[in-house]
Amino acid sequence: MVNDVVISPNPVDLYRRATSRAVGVATRVKPAQLADPTPCSAWSVQDLIDHLTGGTEYLLAALERREPAPRRATTAADFESGVASVLGGVAAAGALDRTCMSPLGFEWTIGQAVAGTFMDVLIHTVDLARATGQDERLDPELVDACIAMFLPEMPERGREAGIIGPAVPIEPDAAPQSRLLAAMGRTP
């Protein structure tokens, strides 16, 4: 169960490392690429950057015990600023133990929300890199942590909620990044 996931290693470290790479990819997006399609069928590159920035707003709203602000057009700088604010917020004593609602509608701790957002950022880094012709390789340690924490349960829950596409068939001995992407509905 996602809300029972053991979050080890530290979810803040996972989030910090994943967002560092994602911010780098977002920063290299050219203005002419913003309307380009992504592997997320209904999203353009701009929509994907907005979604990543929205993830920071979700966490900030949870930390501040308020509703997230409405979605708006954002930039890589907005994403980077949001990440910095989240990292500052989760450093406060007891912040990770507070609770909030997950995107799938159940209560979880902010620590679990940070871990879930780590997973979202990791997958969408590949989507953004693929859409803009950048290096799609992820840190193998982050991939392994994501697999250990979220497969196979989370993608199935996401499919039930309509936010993750069907799994892509793949060889059982495929590389970990390929297995993770396939489970999350992406062609490796």
N, C-alpha and C. Protein backbone atom coordinates (compact mmCIF):
# COMPACT_ATOMS: atom_id res chain seq x y z
N MET A 1 0.83 -1.18 0.00
CA MET A 1 0.00 0.00 0.00
C MET A 1 0.87 1.24 0.00
N VAL A 2 0.55 2.21 -0.83
CA VAL A 2 1.37 3.41 -0.92
C VAL A 2 1.42 4.14 0.40
N ASN A 3 0.30 4.27 1.10
CA ASN A 3 0.32 5.02 2.34
C ASN A 3 1.00 4.26 3.48
N ASP A 4 1.38 3.02 3.27
CA ASP A 4 2.13 2.26 4.25
C ASP A 4 3.59 2.09 3.84
N VAL A 5 4.01 2.76 2.79
CA VAL A 5 5.35 2.59 2.27
C VAL A 5 6.38 3.03 3.32
N VAL A 6 7.43 2.24 3.44
CA VAL A 6 8.53 2.60 4.32
C VAL A 6 9.43 3.52 3.52
N ILE A 7 9.70 4.69 4.06
CA ILE A 7 10.45 5.69 3.30
C ILE A 7 11.90 5.71 3.76
N SER A 8 12.64 4.76 3.22
CA SER A 8 14.07 4.67 3.47
C SER A 8 14.71 4.35 2.15
N PRO A 9 15.69 5.04 1.72
CA PRO A 9 16.41 6.11 2.37
C PRO A 9 15.55 7.37 2.56
N ASN A 10 16.18 8.35 3.12
CA ASN A 10 15.52 9.59 3.47
C ASN A 10 14.79 10.19 2.27
N PRO A 11 13.48 10.45 2.38
CA PRO A 11 12.73 10.99 1.24
C PRO A 11 13.21 12.38 0.84
N VAL A 12 13.70 13.15 1.78
CA VAL A 12 14.18 14.49 1.44
C VAL A 12 15.43 14.39 0.58
N ASP A 13 16.31 13.45 0.90
CA ASP A 13 17.50 13.26 0.07
C ASP A 13 17.12 12.79 -1.33
N LEU A 14 16.18 11.86 -1.41
CA LEU A 14 15.72 11.38 -2.73
C LEU A 14 15.13 12.54 -3.53
N TYR A 15 14.29 13.33 -2.89
CA TYR A 15 13.66 14.47 -3.55
C TYR A 15 14.71 15.48 -4.00
N ARG A 16 15.66 15.78 -3.13
CA ARG A 16 16.72 16.75 -3.46
C ARG A 16 17.50 16.29 -4.69
N ARG A 17 17.88 15.03 -4.70
CA ARG A 17 18.68 14.51 -5.80
C ARG A 17 17.87 14.45 -7.11
N ALA A 18 16.63 14.02 -7.02
CA ALA A 18 15.79 13.93 -8.23
C ALA A 18 15.47 15.31 -8.78
N THR A 19 15.15 16.25 -7.90
CA THR A 19 14.79 17.59 -8.38
C THR A 19 16.01 18.33 -8.92
N SER A 20 17.18 18.04 -8.39
CA SER A 20 18.39 18.68 -8.93
C SER A 20 18.54 18.34 -10.42
N ARG A 21 18.37 17.08 -10.73
CA ARG A 21 18.46 16.64 -12.14
C ARG A 21 17.31 17.22 -12.96
N ALA A 22 16.10 17.20 -12.41
CA ALA A 22 14.93 17.71 -13.14
C ALA A 22 15.05 19.20 -13.42
N VAL A 23 15.52 19.96 -12.46
CA VAL A 23 15.71 21.40 -12.68
C VAL A 23 16.73 21.62 -13.80
N GLY A 24 17.80 20.82 -13.81
CA GLY A 24 18.79 20.94 -14.88
C GLY A 24 18.18 20.69 -16.25
N VAL A 25 17.35 19.67 -16.36
CA VAL A 25 16.68 19.36 -17.63
C VAL A 25 15.73 20.50 -18.00
N ALA A 26 14.94 20.97 -17.05
CA ALA A 26 13.98 22.06 -17.32
C ALA A 26 14.69 23.33 -17.75
N THR A 27 15.83 23.61 -17.15
CA THR A 27 16.59 24.82 -17.47
C THR A 27 17.10 24.79 -18.91
N ARG A 28 17.36 23.61 -19.43
CA ARG A 28 17.88 23.50 -20.80
C ARG A 28 16.79 23.45 -21.87
N VAL A 29 15.53 23.53 -21.46
CA VAL A 29 14.44 23.57 -22.44
C VAL A 29 14.50 24.91 -23.17
N LYS A 30 14.42 24.84 -24.49
CA LYS A 30 14.43 26.06 -25.31
C LYS A 30 13.00 26.59 -25.46
N PRO A 31 12.84 27.90 -25.52
CA PRO A 31 11.49 28.46 -25.66
C PRO A 31 10.70 27.86 -26.82
N ALA A 32 11.38 27.55 -27.91
CA ALA A 32 10.70 26.97 -29.08
C ALA A 32 10.17 25.57 -28.81
N GLN A 33 10.61 24.92 -27.73
CA GLN A 33 10.18 23.55 -27.40
C GLN A 33 8.96 23.51 -26.49
N LEU A 34 8.54 24.64 -25.94
CA LEU A 34 7.48 24.64 -24.93
C LEU A 34 6.16 24.07 -25.42
N ALA A 35 5.85 24.21 -26.69
CA ALA A 35 4.59 23.67 -27.23
C ALA A 35 4.73 22.24 -27.74
N ASP A 36 5.92 21.68 -27.70
CA ASP A 36 6.15 20.33 -28.20
C ASP A 36 5.44 19.29 -27.33
N PRO A 37 5.07 18.15 -27.92
CA PRO A 37 4.41 17.08 -27.15
C PRO A 37 5.42 16.37 -26.26
N THR A 38 4.89 15.67 -25.26
CA THR A 38 5.71 14.86 -24.35
C THR A 38 5.14 13.44 -24.32
N PRO A 39 5.83 12.52 -23.68
CA PRO A 39 5.26 11.18 -23.52
C PRO A 39 3.96 11.16 -22.70
N CYS A 40 3.69 12.22 -21.98
CA CYS A 40 2.40 12.36 -21.27
C CYS A 40 1.42 12.86 -22.32
N SER A 41 0.58 11.99 -22.82
CA SER A 41 -0.18 12.24 -24.04
C SER A 41 -0.93 13.57 -24.12
N ALA A 42 -1.44 14.07 -23.03
CA ALA A 42 -2.21 15.31 -23.09
C ALA A 42 -1.38 16.54 -22.73
N TRP A 43 -0.10 16.37 -22.47
CA TRP A 43 0.72 17.48 -22.00
C TRP A 43 1.80 17.90 -22.98
N SER A 44 1.94 19.20 -23.11
CA SER A 44 3.07 19.77 -23.85
C SER A 44 4.25 19.90 -22.88
N VAL A 45 5.39 20.33 -23.39
CA VAL A 45 6.55 20.58 -22.54
C VAL A 45 6.18 21.63 -21.48
N GLN A 46 5.47 22.68 -21.89
CA GLN A 46 5.05 23.70 -20.91
C GLN A 46 4.16 23.10 -19.84
N ASP A 47 3.22 22.26 -20.24
CA ASP A 47 2.33 21.60 -19.27
C ASP A 47 3.14 20.77 -18.27
N LEU A 48 4.16 20.10 -18.76
CA LEU A 48 4.98 19.25 -17.90
C LEU A 48 5.78 20.10 -16.91
N ILE A 49 6.33 21.22 -17.35
CA ILE A 49 7.03 22.12 -16.44
C ILE A 49 6.05 22.67 -15.41
N ASP A 50 4.84 23.01 -15.87
CA ASP A 50 3.81 23.48 -14.93
C ASP A 50 3.47 22.41 -13.90
N HIS A 51 3.39 21.16 -14.34
CA HIS A 51 3.09 20.05 -13.43
C HIS A 51 4.21 19.88 -12.39
N LEU A 52 5.45 19.90 -12.84
CA LEU A 52 6.57 19.77 -11.91
C LEU A 52 6.56 20.91 -10.89
N THR A 53 6.31 22.12 -11.36
CA THR A 53 6.22 23.26 -10.45
C THR A 53 5.01 23.10 -9.53
N GLY A 54 3.92 22.56 -10.06
CA GLY A 54 2.74 22.29 -9.25
C GLY A 54 3.03 21.31 -8.13
N GLY A 55 3.95 20.38 -8.36
CA GLY A 55 4.35 19.45 -7.30
C GLY A 55 5.00 20.18 -6.13
N THR A 56 5.76 21.22 -6.43
CA THR A 56 6.34 22.00 -5.35
C THR A 56 5.24 22.76 -4.61
N GLU A 57 4.27 23.26 -5.34
CA GLU A 57 3.16 23.98 -4.70
C GLU A 57 2.33 23.04 -3.83
N TYR A 58 2.12 21.82 -4.30
CA TYR A 58 1.40 20.82 -3.49
C TYR A 58 2.10 20.61 -2.15
N LEU A 59 3.43 20.41 -2.19
CA LEU A 59 4.17 20.18 -0.96
C LEU A 59 4.19 21.43 -0.07
N LEU A 60 4.38 22.59 -0.67
CA LEU A 60 4.37 23.83 0.12
C LEU A 60 3.02 24.04 0.79
N ALA A 61 1.95 23.79 0.06
CA ALA A 61 0.61 23.95 0.62
C ALA A 61 0.41 22.97 1.79
N ALA A 62 0.90 21.74 1.63
CA ALA A 62 0.79 20.77 2.72
C ALA A 62 1.58 21.24 3.94
N LEU A 63 2.78 21.73 3.71
CA LEU A 63 3.60 22.22 4.81
C LEU A 63 2.97 23.41 5.52
N GLU A 64 2.30 24.26 4.74
CA GLU A 64 1.69 25.48 5.29
C GLU A 64 0.23 25.28 5.69
N ARG A 65 -0.26 24.04 5.54
CA ARG A 65 -1.64 23.68 5.90
C ARG A 65 -2.66 24.58 5.20
N ARG A 66 -2.55 24.64 3.89
CA ARG A 66 -3.47 25.43 3.07
C ARG A 66 -3.74 24.68 1.77
N GLU A 67 -4.69 25.17 1.02
CA GLU A 67 -4.97 24.58 -0.29
C GLU A 67 -3.92 25.05 -1.29
N PRO A 68 -3.52 24.19 -2.25
CA PRO A 68 -2.58 24.63 -3.28
C PRO A 68 -3.16 25.77 -4.11
N ALA A 69 -2.31 26.66 -4.54
CA ALA A 69 -2.72 27.76 -5.42
C ALA A 69 -3.10 27.18 -6.78
N PRO A 70 -3.98 27.86 -7.51
CA PRO A 70 -4.35 27.38 -8.84
C PRO A 70 -3.13 27.26 -9.75
N ARG A 71 -3.21 26.32 -10.65
CA ARG A 71 -2.13 26.08 -11.60
C ARG A 71 -2.00 27.26 -12.55
N ARG A 72 -0.76 27.58 -12.91
CA ARG A 72 -0.50 28.68 -13.83
C ARG A 72 0.70 28.33 -14.70
N ALA A 73 0.94 29.13 -15.72
CA ALA A 73 2.12 28.92 -16.56
C ALA A 73 3.36 29.26 -15.74
N THR A 74 4.34 28.37 -15.77
CA THR A 74 5.54 28.54 -14.97
C THR A 74 6.79 28.37 -15.84
N THR A 75 7.92 28.65 -15.22
CA THR A 75 9.22 28.51 -15.89
C THR A 75 10.10 27.56 -15.09
N ALA A 76 11.24 27.23 -15.68
CA ALA A 76 12.22 26.41 -14.96
C ALA A 76 12.67 27.13 -13.69
N ALA A 77 12.77 28.45 -13.74
CA ALA A 77 13.15 29.23 -12.55
C ALA A 77 12.09 29.11 -11.46
N ASP A 78 10.81 29.09 -11.84
CA ASP A 78 9.74 28.89 -10.85
C ASP A 78 9.86 27.51 -10.20
N PHE A 79 10.15 26.51 -11.01
CA PHE A 79 10.33 25.16 -10.50
C PHE A 79 11.50 25.12 -9.52
N GLU A 80 12.62 25.69 -9.91
CA GLU A 80 13.80 25.71 -9.06
C GLU A 80 13.53 26.44 -7.75
N SER A 81 12.84 27.56 -7.82
CA SER A 81 12.50 28.32 -6.62
C SER A 81 11.56 27.52 -5.71
N GLY A 82 10.59 26.84 -6.32
CA GLY A 82 9.67 26.01 -5.55
C GLY A 82 10.40 24.87 -4.84
N VAL A 83 11.34 24.25 -5.53
CA VAL A 83 12.13 23.17 -4.92
C VAL A 83 12.89 23.71 -3.71
N ALA A 84 13.53 24.86 -3.87
CA ALA A 84 14.28 25.45 -2.76
C ALA A 84 13.36 25.73 -1.57
N SER A 85 12.17 26.23 -1.84
CA SER A 85 11.21 26.50 -0.75
C SER A 85 10.77 25.22 -0.06
N VAL A 86 10.52 24.17 -0.84
CA VAL A 86 10.14 22.88 -0.25
C VAL A 86 11.26 22.35 0.63
N LEU A 87 12.49 22.39 0.12
CA LEU A 87 13.61 21.87 0.91
C LEU A 87 13.79 22.67 2.20
N GLY A 88 13.55 23.95 2.15
CA GLY A 88 13.58 24.75 3.37
C GLY A 88 12.46 24.36 4.32
N GLY A 89 11.28 24.14 3.78
CA GLY A 89 10.12 23.80 4.61
C GLY A 89 10.21 22.45 5.27
N VAL A 90 10.73 21.47 4.57
CA VAL A 90 10.80 20.12 5.15
C VAL A 90 11.92 19.99 6.17
N ALA A 91 12.79 20.99 6.23
CA ALA A 91 13.87 20.97 7.22
C ALA A 91 13.37 21.34 8.62
N ALA A 92 12.17 21.91 8.71
CA ALA A 92 11.63 22.30 10.02
C ALA A 92 11.33 21.06 10.86
N ALA A 93 11.57 21.18 12.15
CA ALA A 93 11.32 20.07 13.06
C ALA A 93 9.87 19.60 12.96
N GLY A 94 9.69 18.31 12.78
CA GLY A 94 8.36 17.70 12.74
C GLY A 94 7.62 17.85 11.43
N ALA A 95 8.17 18.56 10.46
CA ALA A 95 7.45 18.80 9.20
C ALA A 95 7.08 17.51 8.48
N LEU A 96 7.97 16.55 8.46
CA LEU A 96 7.72 15.31 7.71
C LEU A 96 6.66 14.43 8.36
N ASP A 97 6.38 14.68 9.64
CA ASP A 97 5.39 13.86 10.35
C ASP A 97 3.97 14.39 10.25
N ARG A 98 3.81 15.63 9.80
CA ARG A 98 2.46 16.18 9.62
C ARG A 98 1.75 15.40 8.53
N THR A 99 0.45 15.50 8.47
CA THR A 99 -0.30 14.77 7.44
C THR A 99 -0.94 15.73 6.44
N CYS A 100 -1.24 15.17 5.28
CA CYS A 100 -1.91 15.89 4.21
C CYS A 100 -2.65 14.86 3.35
N MET A 101 -3.40 15.33 2.39
CA MET A 101 -4.10 14.42 1.47
C MET A 101 -3.23 14.13 0.26
N SER A 102 -3.20 12.89 -0.14
CA SER A 102 -2.45 12.49 -1.33
C SER A 102 -3.25 12.86 -2.58
N PRO A 103 -2.59 12.91 -3.73
CA PRO A 103 -3.32 13.13 -4.99
C PRO A 103 -4.35 12.03 -5.28
N LEU A 104 -4.18 10.85 -4.65
CA LEU A 104 -5.11 9.75 -4.85
C LEU A 104 -6.22 9.73 -3.81
N GLY A 105 -6.23 10.74 -2.90
CA GLY A 105 -7.35 10.91 -2.00
C GLY A 105 -7.26 10.24 -0.64
N PHE A 106 -6.08 9.81 -0.22
CA PHE A 106 -5.95 9.26 1.13
C PHE A 106 -4.97 10.12 1.92
N GLU A 107 -5.06 10.01 3.23
CA GLU A 107 -4.17 10.78 4.09
C GLU A 107 -2.82 10.08 4.20
N TRP A 108 -1.77 10.88 4.14
CA TRP A 108 -0.43 10.37 4.34
C TRP A 108 0.42 11.44 4.98
N THR A 109 1.62 11.07 5.42
CA THR A 109 2.49 12.06 6.04
C THR A 109 3.15 12.91 4.96
N ILE A 110 3.63 14.05 5.36
CA ILE A 110 4.36 14.89 4.41
C ILE A 110 5.63 14.16 3.97
N GLY A 111 6.23 13.37 4.85
CA GLY A 111 7.38 12.56 4.45
C GLY A 111 7.02 11.62 3.30
N GLN A 112 5.86 10.99 3.39
CA GLN A 112 5.40 10.12 2.31
C GLN A 112 5.06 10.95 1.06
N ALA A 113 4.52 12.14 1.25
CA ALA A 113 4.22 13.03 0.11
C ALA A 113 5.50 13.43 -0.61
N VAL A 114 6.55 13.71 0.16
CA VAL A 114 7.85 14.04 -0.45
C VAL A 114 8.36 12.84 -1.23
N ALA A 115 8.23 11.64 -0.67
CA ALA A 115 8.66 10.43 -1.38
C ALA A 115 7.84 10.23 -2.65
N GLY A 116 6.53 10.43 -2.57
CA GLY A 116 5.68 10.30 -3.75
C GLY A 116 6.03 11.33 -4.81
N THR A 117 6.34 12.54 -4.38
CA THR A 117 6.71 13.59 -5.32
C THR A 117 8.07 13.28 -5.93
N PHE A 118 8.96 12.69 -5.16
CA PHE A 118 10.24 12.22 -5.72
C PHE A 118 9.99 11.29 -6.90
N MET A 119 9.09 10.32 -6.71
CA MET A 119 8.79 9.39 -7.78
C MET A 119 8.25 10.12 -9.01
N ASP A 120 7.32 11.04 -8.79
CA ASP A 120 6.72 11.81 -9.88
C ASP A 120 7.79 12.59 -10.63
N VAL A 121 8.67 13.25 -9.89
CA VAL A 121 9.74 14.04 -10.51
C VAL A 121 10.68 13.13 -11.30
N LEU A 122 11.03 11.99 -10.74
CA LEU A 122 11.94 11.08 -11.41
C LEU A 122 11.38 10.64 -12.77
N ILE A 123 10.14 10.23 -12.79
CA ILE A 123 9.52 9.77 -14.04
C ILE A 123 9.39 10.93 -15.03
N HIS A 124 8.94 12.07 -14.55
CA HIS A 124 8.74 13.21 -15.46
C HIS A 124 10.04 13.83 -15.93
N THR A 125 11.14 13.56 -15.25
CA THR A 125 12.44 14.01 -15.77
C THR A 125 12.73 13.30 -17.07
N VAL A 126 12.44 12.01 -17.13
CA VAL A 126 12.63 11.27 -18.38
C VAL A 126 11.68 11.81 -19.44
N ASP A 127 10.42 12.06 -19.08
CA ASP A 127 9.46 12.60 -20.05
C ASP A 127 9.96 13.92 -20.64
N LEU A 128 10.43 14.80 -19.78
CA LEU A 128 10.89 16.11 -20.24
C LEU A 128 12.17 15.99 -21.06
N ALA A 129 13.07 15.14 -20.63
CA ALA A 129 14.31 14.93 -21.39
C ALA A 129 14.01 14.33 -22.76
N ARG A 130 13.12 13.35 -22.79
CA ARG A 130 12.76 12.72 -24.06
C ARG A 130 12.10 13.72 -25.01
N ALA A 131 11.22 14.54 -24.49
CA ALA A 131 10.49 15.50 -25.32
C ALA A 131 11.40 16.59 -25.88
N THR A 132 12.51 16.85 -25.20
CA THR A 132 13.39 17.95 -25.61
C THR A 132 14.76 17.49 -26.10
N GLY A 133 14.91 16.19 -26.33
CA GLY A 133 16.14 15.65 -26.89
C GLY A 133 17.33 15.67 -25.95
N GLN A 134 17.08 15.55 -24.66
CA GLN A 134 18.16 15.54 -23.67
C GLN A 134 18.43 14.13 -23.18
N ASP A 135 19.50 13.97 -22.43
CA ASP A 135 19.91 12.69 -21.86
C ASP A 135 18.81 12.19 -20.91
N GLU A 136 18.31 10.98 -21.16
CA GLU A 136 17.22 10.40 -20.37
C GLU A 136 17.70 9.54 -19.21
N ARG A 137 18.99 9.33 -19.08
CA ARG A 137 19.50 8.44 -18.03
C ARG A 137 19.25 9.05 -16.64
N LEU A 138 18.79 8.19 -15.75
CA LEU A 138 18.55 8.59 -14.37
C LEU A 138 19.62 7.99 -13.47
N ASP A 139 19.80 8.56 -12.30
CA ASP A 139 20.72 8.04 -11.30
C ASP A 139 20.23 6.64 -10.91
N PRO A 140 21.05 5.61 -11.12
CA PRO A 140 20.62 4.24 -10.81
C PRO A 140 20.20 4.05 -9.36
N GLU A 141 20.82 4.75 -8.42
CA GLU A 141 20.43 4.63 -7.01
C GLU A 141 19.01 5.16 -6.80
N LEU A 142 18.66 6.24 -7.50
CA LEU A 142 17.31 6.78 -7.38
C LEU A 142 16.29 5.84 -8.01
N VAL A 143 16.65 5.26 -9.13
CA VAL A 143 15.77 4.29 -9.79
C VAL A 143 15.53 3.10 -8.86
N ASP A 144 16.60 2.56 -8.29
CA ASP A 144 16.45 1.42 -7.38
C ASP A 144 15.59 1.77 -6.17
N ALA A 145 15.79 2.96 -5.61
CA ALA A 145 14.98 3.39 -4.45
C ALA A 145 13.52 3.51 -4.84
N CYS A 146 13.26 4.05 -6.01
CA CYS A 146 11.88 4.22 -6.47
C CYS A 146 11.22 2.86 -6.68
N ILE A 147 11.93 1.95 -7.30
CA ILE A 147 11.39 0.60 -7.52
C ILE A 147 11.06 -0.05 -6.18
N ALA A 148 12.00 0.03 -5.24
CA ALA A 148 11.80 -0.61 -3.94
C ALA A 148 10.61 -0.02 -3.19
N MET A 149 10.41 1.27 -3.33
CA MET A 149 9.37 1.95 -2.57
C MET A 149 7.98 1.83 -3.21
N PHE A 150 7.91 1.79 -4.54
CA PHE A 150 6.61 1.99 -5.18
C PHE A 150 6.13 0.88 -6.11
N LEU A 151 7.00 -0.03 -6.53
CA LEU A 151 6.51 -1.07 -7.44
C LEU A 151 6.22 -2.33 -6.64
N PRO A 152 5.20 -3.05 -7.01
CA PRO A 152 4.27 -2.83 -8.11
C PRO A 152 2.99 -2.08 -7.71
N GLU A 153 2.78 -1.80 -6.42
CA GLU A 153 1.48 -1.29 -5.98
C GLU A 153 1.11 0.08 -6.52
N MET A 154 2.02 1.04 -6.47
CA MET A 154 1.64 2.41 -6.79
C MET A 154 1.14 2.57 -8.22
N PRO A 155 1.84 2.03 -9.23
CA PRO A 155 1.31 2.22 -10.59
C PRO A 155 -0.11 1.68 -10.75
N GLU A 156 -0.43 0.56 -10.09
CA GLU A 156 -1.78 0.01 -10.19
C GLU A 156 -2.81 0.96 -9.59
N ARG A 157 -2.48 1.54 -8.44
CA ARG A 157 -3.38 2.52 -7.84
C ARG A 157 -3.55 3.74 -8.75
N GLY A 158 -2.46 4.15 -9.36
CA GLY A 158 -2.51 5.28 -10.29
C GLY A 158 -3.35 4.97 -11.52
N ARG A 159 -3.26 3.74 -12.00
CA ARG A 159 -4.09 3.35 -13.15
C ARG A 159 -5.56 3.36 -12.76
N GLU A 160 -5.86 2.84 -11.56
CA GLU A 160 -7.25 2.85 -11.08
C GLU A 160 -7.79 4.28 -10.99
N ALA A 161 -6.93 5.22 -10.63
CA ALA A 161 -7.34 6.62 -10.51
C ALA A 161 -7.30 7.36 -11.85
N GLY A 162 -6.79 6.69 -12.89
CA GLY A 162 -6.74 7.31 -14.21
C GLY A 162 -5.59 8.29 -14.41
N ILE A 163 -4.55 8.21 -13.56
CA ILE A 163 -3.44 9.15 -13.72
C ILE A 163 -2.17 8.49 -14.26
N ILE A 164 -2.19 7.18 -14.42
CA ILE A 164 -1.05 6.45 -15.00
C ILE A 164 -1.60 5.54 -16.09
N GLY A 165 -0.92 5.53 -17.23
CA GLY A 165 -1.36 4.71 -18.34
C GLY A 165 -1.04 3.24 -18.13
N PRO A 166 -1.49 2.40 -19.04
CA PRO A 166 -1.24 0.96 -18.93
C PRO A 166 0.25 0.65 -18.91
N ALA A 167 0.61 -0.39 -18.18
CA ALA A 167 2.00 -0.84 -18.14
C ALA A 167 2.41 -1.27 -19.55
N VAL A 168 3.66 -1.06 -19.86
CA VAL A 168 4.22 -1.46 -21.15
C VAL A 168 4.92 -2.80 -20.95
N PRO A 169 4.60 -3.79 -21.79
CA PRO A 169 5.27 -5.10 -21.64
C PRO A 169 6.78 -4.94 -21.82
N ILE A 170 7.51 -5.67 -20.98
CA ILE A 170 8.97 -5.60 -21.01
C ILE A 170 9.55 -6.91 -20.51
N GLU A 171 10.75 -7.21 -20.93
CA GLU A 171 11.43 -8.43 -20.48
C GLU A 171 11.70 -8.34 -18.98
N PRO A 172 11.53 -9.44 -18.25
CA PRO A 172 11.74 -9.42 -16.80
C PRO A 172 13.18 -9.07 -16.39
N ASP A 173 14.15 -9.33 -17.29
CA ASP A 173 15.54 -9.03 -16.95
C ASP A 173 16.00 -7.69 -17.52
N ALA A 174 15.06 -6.83 -17.89
CA ALA A 174 15.39 -5.51 -18.41
C ALA A 174 16.07 -4.68 -17.32
N ALA A 175 16.80 -3.68 -17.74
CA ALA A 175 17.49 -2.79 -16.81
C ALA A 175 16.47 -2.12 -15.88
N PRO A 176 16.88 -1.80 -14.66
CA PRO A 176 15.95 -1.20 -13.70
C PRO A 176 15.22 0.04 -14.23
N GLN A 177 15.92 0.95 -14.89
CA GLN A 177 15.23 2.15 -15.39
C GLN A 177 14.16 1.76 -16.40
N SER A 178 14.44 0.81 -17.25
CA SER A 178 13.45 0.35 -18.22
C SER A 178 12.25 -0.28 -17.53
N ARG A 179 12.49 -1.08 -16.49
CA ARG A 179 11.40 -1.69 -15.74
C ARG A 179 10.53 -0.63 -15.07
N LEU A 180 11.17 0.37 -14.47
CA LEU A 180 10.42 1.44 -13.81
C LEU A 180 9.57 2.20 -14.82
N LEU A 181 10.15 2.59 -15.93
CA LEU A 181 9.42 3.35 -16.94
C LEU A 181 8.25 2.53 -17.50
N ALA A 182 8.49 1.25 -17.77
CA ALA A 182 7.42 0.40 -18.30
C ALA A 182 6.27 0.27 -17.30
N ALA A 183 6.60 0.11 -16.03
CA ALA A 183 5.57 0.00 -15.00
C ALA A 183 4.74 1.28 -14.91
N MET A 184 5.38 2.42 -15.23
CA MET A 184 4.70 3.71 -15.17
C MET A 184 4.08 4.09 -16.51
N GLY A 185 3.98 3.13 -17.43
CA GLY A 185 3.28 3.35 -18.69
C GLY A 185 4.10 4.02 -19.77
N ARG A 186 5.41 4.00 -19.63
CA ARG A 186 6.29 4.61 -20.63
C ARG A 186 7.04 3.54 -21.41
N THR A 187 7.29 3.81 -22.67
CA THR A 187 8.14 2.95 -23.46
C THR A 187 9.57 3.26 -23.06
N PRO A 188 10.29 2.25 -22.60
CA PRO A 188 11.70 2.51 -22.18
C PRO A 188 12.58 2.97 -23.31
